[in-house]
Amino acid sequence: MIRGVYRVFESLDALVTIVEEARSVPMTSNCVVPRGDVLELLDDVREAIPGEMDDAQDVLDRRDEVVSEAEREAEETRTAANSEAEETLQNARTEAERLVAEAQEEASRTLAEARHEAERAVADGRRQYAELTDRARDEAERMTHAGRAAHDRLVADGQNEQTRLVSQTEVVRASHAEAGQVVDAAHAEADRLRRECDDYVDTTLGELEATLNNALGVVGRGRSQLWRGQYGPGYDTGGREYPQDGRTGTGMDLID
C-alpha cells in the first residue's frame, strides 16, 4: 500500500514537472506538452489509485472487526499476563519463603559456630593469661634478685671509691696549692709584660712626636721663605704682614 502511494506521488510530481518545463504558446498562457508522456503518467496514476482505494475501503469495512479482534486479543493478553503475574508472584513468594528458611538455618548454624569459637577463644585467652602471669611473676622475681645484687655491688663499689678518694685528698690539696702558685706567677709575668709594652709604646710615641715637630719646623720655615720671596720682607706665609721687631717665630707659628 505504501509503495502504491509513493507511485502516485511520483507520477503527479512528474506531471507537474512536464507542465512547468513545457514550451509556452506565444501571446497566450497555454503551453505545448508531450501527449504520450502525459498519458503514460496518467495511466500510472489510474493503475495505482484503484488498488490503494480498494485497500483503504477494505480497511474501513473491516474497522469494527479489526477493533473487536484487537480488543479480544488485548483481553486475552491481559488475562494471560494476570495469570502469569499471579503465578510468578506465587513462585516468588515460595522462593522467598525458601530463602528465608535457608537464611534462618544458616544464621542459626553461624551463631552456634560463633558461640563455640567465642568459648574456645575465651578458654585460650584465660590459658594464655595464666601463662603470661606466671611468666611475668617469675621475671619480676628474677629482676628483683638481679636488682638487689646490682645494688649491693654498686654500694660496695661506692664505698671503695670513697675510700680511694679520701686517700687522694692530700694529693689534691697539694695540686691546688701548686696550681695557685702557677696562676700567681702567670699574673705577675703578665703585669710585667704589660708595663714593658706601655713603656715601649710611650717611648715610640715620644720619638714620633719629636720627629713630627722637627718636620713641621722645616715645613714652616720653607713656607715662610717662599712667601717672603713672593711678597717681600714683613709678610708671613699667608701674605699677612708681621712685626719687624726682630723676633723669630717657631715652625708652629708659621702654619695657617
C-alpha atoms as a PDB file:
ATOM      1  CA  MET A   1       0.000   0.000   0.000  1.00  0.00           C
ATOM      2  CA  ILE A   2       2.698   2.473   0.926  1.00  0.00           C
ATOM      3  CA  ARG A   3       4.570   1.609  -2.257  1.00  0.00           C
ATOM      4  CA  GLY A   4       1.434   2.411  -4.328  1.00  0.00           C
ATOM      5  CA  VAL A   5       1.024   5.784  -2.619  1.00  0.00           C
ATOM      6  CA  TYR A   6       4.639   6.620  -3.401  1.00  0.00           C
ATOM      7  CA  ARG A   7       3.985   5.645  -7.048  1.00  0.00           C
ATOM      8  CA  VAL A   8       1.002   8.048  -7.269  1.00  0.00           C
ATOM      9  CA  PHE A   9       3.048  10.884  -5.771  1.00  0.00           C
ATOM     10  CA  GLU A  10       5.951  10.229  -8.130  1.00  0.00           C
ATOM     11  CA  SER A  11       3.609  10.262 -11.197  1.00  0.00           C
ATOM     12  CA  LEU A  12       1.966  13.505 -10.075  1.00  0.00           C
ATOM     13  CA  ASP A  13       5.369  15.111  -9.498  1.00  0.00           C
ATOM     14  CA  ALA A  14       6.444  14.056 -12.992  1.00  0.00           C
ATOM     15  CA  LEU A  15       3.259  15.625 -14.494  1.00  0.00           C
ATOM     16  CA  VAL A  16       3.927  18.884 -12.664  1.00  0.00           C
ATOM     17  CA  THR A  17       7.485  18.907 -13.954  1.00  0.00           C
ATOM     18  CA  ILE A  18       6.332  18.334 -17.561  1.00  0.00           C
ATOM     19  CA  VAL A  19       3.838  21.205 -17.348  1.00  0.00           C
ATOM     20  CA  GLU A  20       6.368  23.550 -15.748  1.00  0.00           C
ATOM     21  CA  GLU A  21       9.020  22.803 -18.356  1.00  0.00           C
ATOM     22  CA  ALA A  22       6.589  22.780 -21.374  1.00  0.00           C
ATOM     23  CA  ARG A  23       7.066  25.280 -24.207  1.00  0.00           C
ATOM     24  CA  SER A  24       4.720  28.270 -23.992  1.00  0.00           C
ATOM     25  CA  VAL A  25       2.385  29.280 -26.862  1.00  0.00           C
ATOM     26  CA  PRO A  26       3.180  32.846 -27.946  1.00  0.00           C
ATOM     27  CA  MET A  27       0.696  35.552 -26.940  1.00  0.00           C
ATOM     28  CA  THR A  28      -1.237  33.084 -24.674  1.00  0.00           C
ATOM     29  CA  SER A  29      -0.913  31.411 -21.301  1.00  0.00           C
ATOM     30  CA  ASN A  30      -1.110  27.968 -22.898  1.00  0.00           C
ATOM     31  CA  CYS A  31       1.746  25.507 -23.361  1.00  0.00           C
ATOM     32  CA  VAL A  32       2.627  22.549 -25.524  1.00  0.00           C
ATOM     33  CA  VAL A  33       3.142  19.254 -23.628  1.00  0.00           C
ATOM     34  CA  PRO A  34       4.139  15.826 -24.932  1.00  0.00           C
ATOM     35  CA  ARG A  35       0.868  13.906 -25.120  1.00  0.00           C
ATOM     36  CA  GLY A  36       2.387  10.451 -24.905  1.00  0.00           C
ATOM     37  CA  ASP A  37       4.322  11.214 -21.701  1.00  0.00           C
ATOM     38  CA  VAL A  38       1.289  12.791 -20.052  1.00  0.00           C
ATOM     39  CA  LEU A  39      -0.994   9.900 -20.955  1.00  0.00           C
ATOM     40  CA  GLU A  40       1.561   7.405 -19.723  1.00  0.00           C
ATOM     41  CA  LEU A  41       1.805   9.143 -16.377  1.00  0.00           C
ATOM     42  CA  LEU A  42      -1.975   9.355 -16.075  1.00  0.00           C
ATOM     43  CA  ASP A  43      -2.214   5.631 -16.770  1.00  0.00           C
ATOM     44  CA  ASP A  44       0.307   5.004 -13.971  1.00  0.00           C
ATOM     45  CA  VAL A  45      -1.829   7.098 -11.620  1.00  0.00           C
ATOM     46  CA  ARG A  46      -5.002   5.279 -12.697  1.00  0.00           C
ATOM     47  CA  GLU A  47      -3.372   1.884 -12.128  1.00  0.00           C
ATOM     48  CA  ALA A  48      -2.064   2.882  -8.689  1.00  0.00           C
ATOM     49  CA  ILE A  49      -5.184   4.572  -7.317  1.00  0.00           C
ATOM     50  CA  PRO A  50      -7.812   1.786  -7.525  1.00  0.00           C
ATOM     51  CA  GLY A  51      -5.708  -0.740  -5.665  1.00  0.00           C
ATOM     52  CA  GLU A  52      -4.987   1.693  -2.812  1.00  0.00           C
ATOM     53  CA  MET A  53      -8.605   2.803  -2.705  1.00  0.00           C
ATOM     54  CA  ASP A  54      -9.771  -0.788  -2.509  1.00  0.00           C
ATOM     55  CA  ASP A  55      -7.312  -1.488   0.273  1.00  0.00           C
ATOM     56  CA  ALA A  56      -8.477   1.613   2.132  1.00  0.00           C
ATOM     57  CA  GLN A  57     -12.117   0.636   1.692  1.00  0.00           C
ATOM     58  CA  ASP A  58     -11.356  -2.865   2.931  1.00  0.00           C
ATOM     59  CA  VAL A  59      -9.762  -1.376   5.998  1.00  0.00           C
ATOM     60  CA  LEU A  60     -12.785   0.844   6.588  1.00  0.00           C
ATOM     61  CA  ASP A  61     -15.184  -2.066   6.102  1.00  0.00           C
ATOM     62  CA  ARG A  62     -13.207  -4.275   8.495  1.00  0.00           C
ATOM     63  CA  ARG A  63     -12.650  -1.492  11.064  1.00  0.00           C
ATOM     64  CA  ASP A  64     -15.172  -2.821  13.578  1.00  0.00           C
ATOM     65  CA  GLU A  65     -13.943  -6.359  13.067  1.00  0.00           C
ATOM     66  CA  VAL A  66     -10.311  -5.262  13.480  1.00  0.00           C
ATOM     67  CA  VAL A  67     -11.161  -3.277  16.614  1.00  0.00           C
ATOM     68  CA  SER A  68     -13.078  -6.230  18.081  1.00  0.00           C
ATOM     69  CA  GLU A  69     -10.262  -8.578  17.226  1.00  0.00           C
ATOM     70  CA  ALA A  70      -7.775  -6.198  18.790  1.00  0.00           C
ATOM     71  CA  GLU A  71      -9.890  -5.848  21.942  1.00  0.00           C
ATOM     72  CA  ARG A  72     -10.272  -9.604  22.167  1.00  0.00           C
ATOM     73  CA  GLU A  73      -6.532 -10.121  21.755  1.00  0.00           C
ATOM     74  CA  ALA A  74      -5.867  -7.390  24.322  1.00  0.00           C
ATOM     75  CA  GLU A  75      -8.227  -9.050  26.813  1.00  0.00           C
ATOM     76  CA  GLU A  76      -6.615 -12.426  26.218  1.00  0.00           C
ATOM     77  CA  THR A  77      -3.217 -10.859  26.622  1.00  0.00           C
ATOM     78  CA  ARG A  78      -4.288  -9.104  29.833  1.00  0.00           C
ATOM     79  CA  THR A  79      -5.789 -12.304  31.211  1.00  0.00           C
ATOM     80  CA  ALA A  80      -2.675 -14.283  30.319  1.00  0.00           C
ATOM     81  CA  ALA A  81      -0.495 -11.567  31.841  1.00  0.00           C
ATOM     82  CA  ASN A  82      -2.527 -11.564  35.061  1.00  0.00           C
ATOM     83  CA  SER A  83      -2.323 -15.347  35.255  1.00  0.00           C
ATOM     84  CA  GLU A  84       1.381 -15.264  34.582  1.00  0.00           C
ATOM     85  CA  ALA A  85       1.852 -12.474  37.109  1.00  0.00           C
ATOM     86  CA  GLU A  86      -0.069 -14.411  39.769  1.00  0.00           C
ATOM     87  CA  GLU A  87       1.932 -17.499  39.002  1.00  0.00           C
ATOM     88  CA  THR A  88       5.169 -15.504  39.078  1.00  0.00           C
ATOM     89  CA  LEU A  89       4.148 -13.856  42.360  1.00  0.00           C
ATOM     90  CA  GLN A  90       3.309 -17.233  43.877  1.00  0.00           C
ATOM     91  CA  ASN A  91       6.637 -18.628  42.702  1.00  0.00           C
ATOM     92  CA  ALA A  92       8.409 -15.576  44.090  1.00  0.00           C
ATOM     93  CA  ARG A  93       6.667 -15.980  47.448  1.00  0.00           C
ATOM     94  CA  THR A  94       7.584 -19.644  47.536  1.00  0.00           C
ATOM     95  CA  GLU A  95      11.216 -18.847  46.619  1.00  0.00           C
ATOM     96  CA  ALA A  96      11.318 -16.062  49.207  1.00  0.00           C
ATOM     97  CA  GLU A  97       9.990 -18.383  51.912  1.00  0.00           C
ATOM     98  CA  ARG A  98      12.569 -20.973  50.931  1.00  0.00           C
ATOM     99  CA  LEU A  99      15.367 -18.378  51.014  1.00  0.00           C
ATOM    100  CA  VAL A 100      14.199 -17.051  54.386  1.00  0.00           C
ATOM    101  CA  ALA A 101      14.155 -20.581  55.793  1.00  0.00           C
ATOM    102  CA  GLU A 102      17.637 -21.250  54.436  1.00  0.00           C
ATOM    103  CA  ALA A 103      18.851 -17.908  55.785  1.00  0.00           C
ATOM    104  CA  GLN A 104      17.438 -18.637  59.230  1.00  0.00           C
ATOM    105  CA  GLU A 105      19.045 -22.053  59.216  1.00  0.00           C
ATOM    106  CA  GLU A 106      22.379 -20.570  58.093  1.00  0.00           C
ATOM    107  CA  ALA A 107      22.107 -17.856  60.752  1.00  0.00           C
ATOM    108  CA  SER A 108      21.435 -20.432  63.454  1.00  0.00           C
ATOM    109  CA  ARG A 109      24.387 -22.522  62.315  1.00  0.00           C
ATOM    110  CA  THR A 110      26.641 -19.448  62.119  1.00  0.00           C
ATOM    111  CA  LEU A 111      25.549 -18.303  65.586  1.00  0.00           C
ATOM    112  CA  ALA A 112      26.291 -21.723  67.031  1.00  0.00           C
ATOM    113  CA  GLU A 113      29.717 -21.760  65.406  1.00  0.00           C
ATOM    114  CA  ALA A 114      30.381 -18.210  66.648  1.00  0.00           C
ATOM    115  CA  ARG A 115      29.449 -19.185  70.207  1.00  0.00           C
ATOM    116  CA  HIS A 116      31.688 -22.232  70.028  1.00  0.00           C
ATOM    117  CA  GLU A 117      34.557 -20.128  68.628  1.00  0.00           C
ATOM    118  CA  ALA A 118      33.992 -17.484  71.319  1.00  0.00           C
ATOM    119  CA  GLU A 119      34.085 -20.086  74.074  1.00  0.00           C
ATOM    120  CA  ARG A 120      37.268 -21.552  72.606  1.00  0.00           C
ATOM    121  CA  ALA A 121      38.841 -18.075  72.302  1.00  0.00           C
ATOM    122  CA  VAL A 122      37.907 -17.265  75.918  1.00  0.00           C
ATOM    123  CA  ALA A 123      39.446 -20.524  77.098  1.00  0.00           C
ATOM    124  CA  ASP A 124      42.612 -19.853  75.099  1.00  0.00           C
ATOM    125  CA  GLY A 125      42.731 -16.315  76.462  1.00  0.00           C
ATOM    126  CA  ARG A 126      42.437 -17.470  80.024  1.00  0.00           C
ATOM    127  CA  ARG A 127      45.145 -20.072  79.485  1.00  0.00           C
ATOM    128  CA  GLN A 128      47.476 -17.518  77.856  1.00  0.00           C
ATOM    129  CA  TYR A 129      46.707 -15.024  80.632  1.00  0.00           C
ATOM    130  CA  ALA A 130      47.669 -17.585  83.261  1.00  0.00           C
ATOM    131  CA  GLU A 131      50.866 -18.410  81.380  1.00  0.00           C
ATOM    132  CA  LEU A 132      51.792 -14.750  80.943  1.00  0.00           C
ATOM    133  CA  THR A 133      51.023 -14.025  84.596  1.00  0.00           C
ATOM    134  CA  ASP A 134      53.259 -16.853  85.794  1.00  0.00           C
ATOM    135  CA  ARG A 135      55.988 -15.806  83.355  1.00  0.00           C
ATOM    136  CA  ALA A 136      55.743 -12.167  84.448  1.00  0.00           C
ATOM    137  CA  ARG A 137      55.880 -13.155  88.118  1.00  0.00           C
ATOM    138  CA  ASP A 138      58.988 -15.251  87.515  1.00  0.00           C
ATOM    139  CA  GLU A 139      60.598 -12.437  85.505  1.00  0.00           C
ATOM    140  CA  ALA A 140      59.778  -9.918  88.239  1.00  0.00           C
ATOM    141  CA  GLU A 141      61.347 -12.114  90.888  1.00  0.00           C
ATOM    142  CA  ARG A 142      64.432 -12.610  88.721  1.00  0.00           C
ATOM    143  CA  MET A 143      64.751  -8.883  88.086  1.00  0.00           C
ATOM    144  CA  THR A 144      64.253  -8.179  91.798  1.00  0.00           C
ATOM    145  CA  HIS A 145      67.102 -10.521  92.726  1.00  0.00           C
ATOM    146  CA  ALA A 146      69.262  -9.051  89.991  1.00  0.00           C
ATOM    147  CA  GLY A 147      68.450  -5.521  91.156  1.00  0.00           C
ATOM    148  CA  ARG A 148      69.334  -6.324  94.724  1.00  0.00           C
ATOM    149  CA  ALA A 149      72.620  -7.876  93.647  1.00  0.00           C
ATOM    150  CA  ALA A 150      73.421  -4.872  91.459  1.00  0.00           C
ATOM    151  CA  HIS A 151      72.518  -2.528  94.322  1.00  0.00           C
ATOM    152  CA  ASP A 152      74.776  -4.335  96.741  1.00  0.00           C
ATOM    153  CA  ARG A 153      77.587  -4.307  94.158  1.00  0.00           C
ATOM    154  CA  LEU A 154      77.157  -0.602  93.468  1.00  0.00           C
ATOM    155  CA  VAL A 155      77.130   0.197  97.205  1.00  0.00           C
ATOM    156  CA  ALA A 156      80.336  -1.756  97.654  1.00  0.00           C
ATOM    157  CA  ASP A 157      81.937  -0.019  94.673  1.00  0.00           C
ATOM    158  CA  GLY A 158      80.852   3.364  96.041  1.00  0.00           C
ATOM    159  CA  GLN A 159      82.367   2.653  99.403  1.00  0.00           C
ATOM    160  CA  ASN A 160      85.616   1.565  97.783  1.00  0.00           C
ATOM    161  CA  GLU A 161      85.657   4.684  95.598  1.00  0.00           C
ATOM    162  CA  GLN A 162      85.000   6.857  98.644  1.00  0.00           C
ATOM    163  CA  THR A 163      87.926   5.282 100.444  1.00  0.00           C
ATOM    164  CA  ARG A 164      90.134   5.840  97.399  1.00  0.00           C
ATOM    165  CA  LEU A 165      89.096   9.473  97.077  1.00  0.00           C
ATOM    166  CA  VAL A 166      89.726  10.110 100.769  1.00  0.00           C
ATOM    167  CA  SER A 167      93.214   8.688 100.366  1.00  0.00           C
ATOM    168  CA  GLN A 168      93.826  11.089  97.460  1.00  0.00           C
ATOM    169  CA  THR A 169      92.718  14.229  99.385  1.00  0.00           C
ATOM    170  CA  GLU A 170      96.267  15.282 100.279  1.00  0.00           C
ATOM    171  CA  VAL A 171      97.394  14.898  96.679  1.00  0.00           C
ATOM    172  CA  VAL A 172      94.500  17.055  95.505  1.00  0.00           C
ATOM    173  CA  ARG A 173      95.292  19.742  98.137  1.00  0.00           C
ATOM    174  CA  ALA A 174      98.939  19.851  97.057  1.00  0.00           C
ATOM    175  CA  SER A 175      97.885  20.077  93.421  1.00  0.00           C
ATOM    176  CA  HIS A 176      95.614  23.023  94.219  1.00  0.00           C
ATOM    177  CA  ALA A 177      98.443  24.837  96.033  1.00  0.00           C
ATOM    178  CA  GLU A 178     100.835  24.316  93.129  1.00  0.00           C
ATOM    179  CA  ALA A 179      98.203  25.467  90.678  1.00  0.00           C
ATOM    180  CA  GLY A 180      97.705  28.680  92.746  1.00  0.00           C
ATOM    181  CA  GLN A 181     101.405  29.398  92.623  1.00  0.00           C
ATOM    182  CA  VAL A 182     101.477  28.898  88.856  1.00  0.00           C
ATOM    183  CA  VAL A 183      98.499  31.244  88.401  1.00  0.00           C
ATOM    184  CA  ASP A 184     100.102  33.944  90.599  1.00  0.00           C
ATOM    185  CA  ALA A 185     103.357  33.697  88.654  1.00  0.00           C
ATOM    186  CA  ALA A 186     101.468  33.956  85.393  1.00  0.00           C
ATOM    187  CA  HIS A 187      99.642  37.090  86.610  1.00  0.00           C
ATOM    188  CA  ALA A 188     102.937  38.709  87.704  1.00  0.00           C
ATOM    189  CA  GLU A 189     104.547  37.910  84.349  1.00  0.00           C
ATOM    190  CA  ALA A 190     101.546  39.352  82.536  1.00  0.00           C
ATOM    191  CA  ASP A 191     101.738  42.583  84.578  1.00  0.00           C
ATOM    192  CA  ARG A 192     105.470  42.900  83.822  1.00  0.00           C
ATOM    193  CA  LEU A 193     104.937  42.371  80.112  1.00  0.00           C
ATOM    194  CA  ARG A 194     102.091  44.903  80.110  1.00  0.00           C
ATOM    195  CA  ARG A 195     104.299  47.548  81.809  1.00  0.00           C
ATOM    196  CA  GLU A 196     107.143  46.940  79.388  1.00  0.00           C
ATOM    197  CA  CYS A 197     104.741  47.206  76.452  1.00  0.00           C
ATOM    198  CA  ASP A 198     103.338  50.501  77.774  1.00  0.00           C
ATOM    199  CA  ASP A 199     106.868  51.912  78.245  1.00  0.00           C
ATOM    200  CA  TYR A 200     107.838  50.891  74.727  1.00  0.00           C
ATOM    201  CA  VAL A 201     104.729  52.468  73.216  1.00  0.00           C
ATOM    202  CA  ASP A 202     105.195  55.697  75.202  1.00  0.00           C
ATOM    203  CA  THR A 203     108.848  55.961  74.136  1.00  0.00           C
ATOM    204  CA  THR A 204     107.979  55.293  70.494  1.00  0.00           C
ATOM    205  CA  LEU A 205     105.206  57.892  70.505  1.00  0.00           C
ATOM    206  CA  GLY A 206     107.572  60.475  72.115  1.00  0.00           C
ATOM    207  CA  GLU A 207     110.155  59.879  69.400  1.00  0.00           C
ATOM    208  CA  LEU A 208     107.451  60.145  66.739  1.00  0.00           C
ATOM    209  CA  GLU A 209     106.228  63.428  68.291  1.00  0.00           C
ATOM    210  CA  ALA A 210     109.751  64.930  68.234  1.00  0.00           C
ATOM    211  CA  THR A 211     110.216  63.839  64.623  1.00  0.00           C
ATOM    212  CA  LEU A 212     106.894  65.378  63.605  1.00  0.00           C
ATOM    213  CA  ASN A 213     107.741  68.656  65.419  1.00  0.00           C
ATOM    214  CA  ASN A 214     111.074  68.856  63.581  1.00  0.00           C
ATOM    215  CA  ALA A 215     109.337  68.141  60.288  1.00  0.00           C
ATOM    216  CA  LEU A 216     106.740  70.805  60.973  1.00  0.00           C
ATOM    217  CA  GLY A 217     109.511  73.330  61.770  1.00  0.00           C
ATOM    218  CA  VAL A 218     111.223  72.578  58.486  1.00  0.00           C
ATOM    219  CA  VAL A 219     107.961  72.897  56.571  1.00  0.00           C
ATOM    220  CA  GLY A 220     107.123  76.168  58.318  1.00  0.00           C
ATOM    221  CA  ARG A 221     110.496  77.706  57.570  1.00  0.00           C
ATOM    222  CA  GLY A 222     110.240  76.632  53.956  1.00  0.00           C
ATOM    223  CA  ARG A 223     106.829  78.221  53.545  1.00  0.00           C
ATOM    224  CA  SER A 224     107.989  81.406  55.301  1.00  0.00           C
ATOM    225  CA  GLN A 225     110.895  81.753  52.915  1.00  0.00           C
ATOM    226  CA  LEU A 226     108.540  81.101  49.975  1.00  0.00           C
ATOM    227  CA  TRP A 227     106.106  83.861  50.969  1.00  0.00           C
ATOM    228  CA  ARG A 228     108.868  86.324  51.843  1.00  0.00           C
ATOM    229  CA  GLY A 229     110.299  85.855  48.405  1.00  0.00           C
ATOM    230  CA  GLN A 230     106.861  86.464  46.824  1.00  0.00           C
ATOM    231  CA  TYR A 231     105.544  89.386  48.950  1.00  0.00           C
ATOM    232  CA  GLY A 232     108.798  90.752  50.362  1.00  0.00           C
ATOM    233  CA  PRO A 233     110.044  91.114  53.933  1.00  0.00           C
ATOM    234  CA  GLY A 234     107.438  91.706  56.582  1.00  0.00           C
ATOM    235  CA  TYR A 235     104.796  89.118  55.366  1.00  0.00           C
ATOM    236  CA  ASP A 236     104.034  85.678  56.660  1.00  0.00           C
ATOM    237  CA  THR A 237     103.138  82.568  54.711  1.00  0.00           C
ATOM    238  CA  GLY A 238      99.555  83.749  54.196  1.00  0.00           C
ATOM    239  CA  GLY A 239     100.595  87.104  52.753  1.00  0.00           C
ATOM    240  CA  ARG A 240      99.863  88.885  56.078  1.00  0.00           C
ATOM    241  CA  GLU A 241     102.248  91.471  57.487  1.00  0.00           C
ATOM    242  CA  TYR A 242     104.099  90.543  60.653  1.00  0.00           C
ATOM    243  CA  PRO A 243     106.038  92.793  63.134  1.00  0.00           C
ATOM    244  CA  GLN A 244     109.549  93.855  62.219  1.00  0.00           C
ATOM    245  CA  ASP A 245     110.874  93.789  65.794  1.00  0.00           C
ATOM    246  CA  GLY A 246     113.457  91.159  65.107  1.00  0.00           C
ATOM    247  CA  ARG A 247     111.508  88.320  66.718  1.00  0.00           C
ATOM    248  CA  THR A 248     111.601  84.980  65.049  1.00  0.00           C
ATOM    249  CA  GLY A 249     108.700  82.562  65.339  1.00  0.00           C
ATOM    250  CA  THR A 250     108.741  78.819  65.533  1.00  0.00           C
ATOM    251  CA  GLY A 251     107.625  76.468  62.844  1.00  0.00           C
ATOM    252  CA  MET A 252     104.208  76.175  64.522  1.00  0.00           C
ATOM    253  CA  ASP A 253     103.743  79.996  64.372  1.00  0.00           C
ATOM    254  CA  LEU A 254     104.105  79.915  60.589  1.00  0.00           C
ATOM    255  CA  ILE A 255     101.458  77.318  59.913  1.00  0.00           C
ATOM    256  CA  ASP A 256      97.971  78.545  58.919  1.00  0.00           C
END
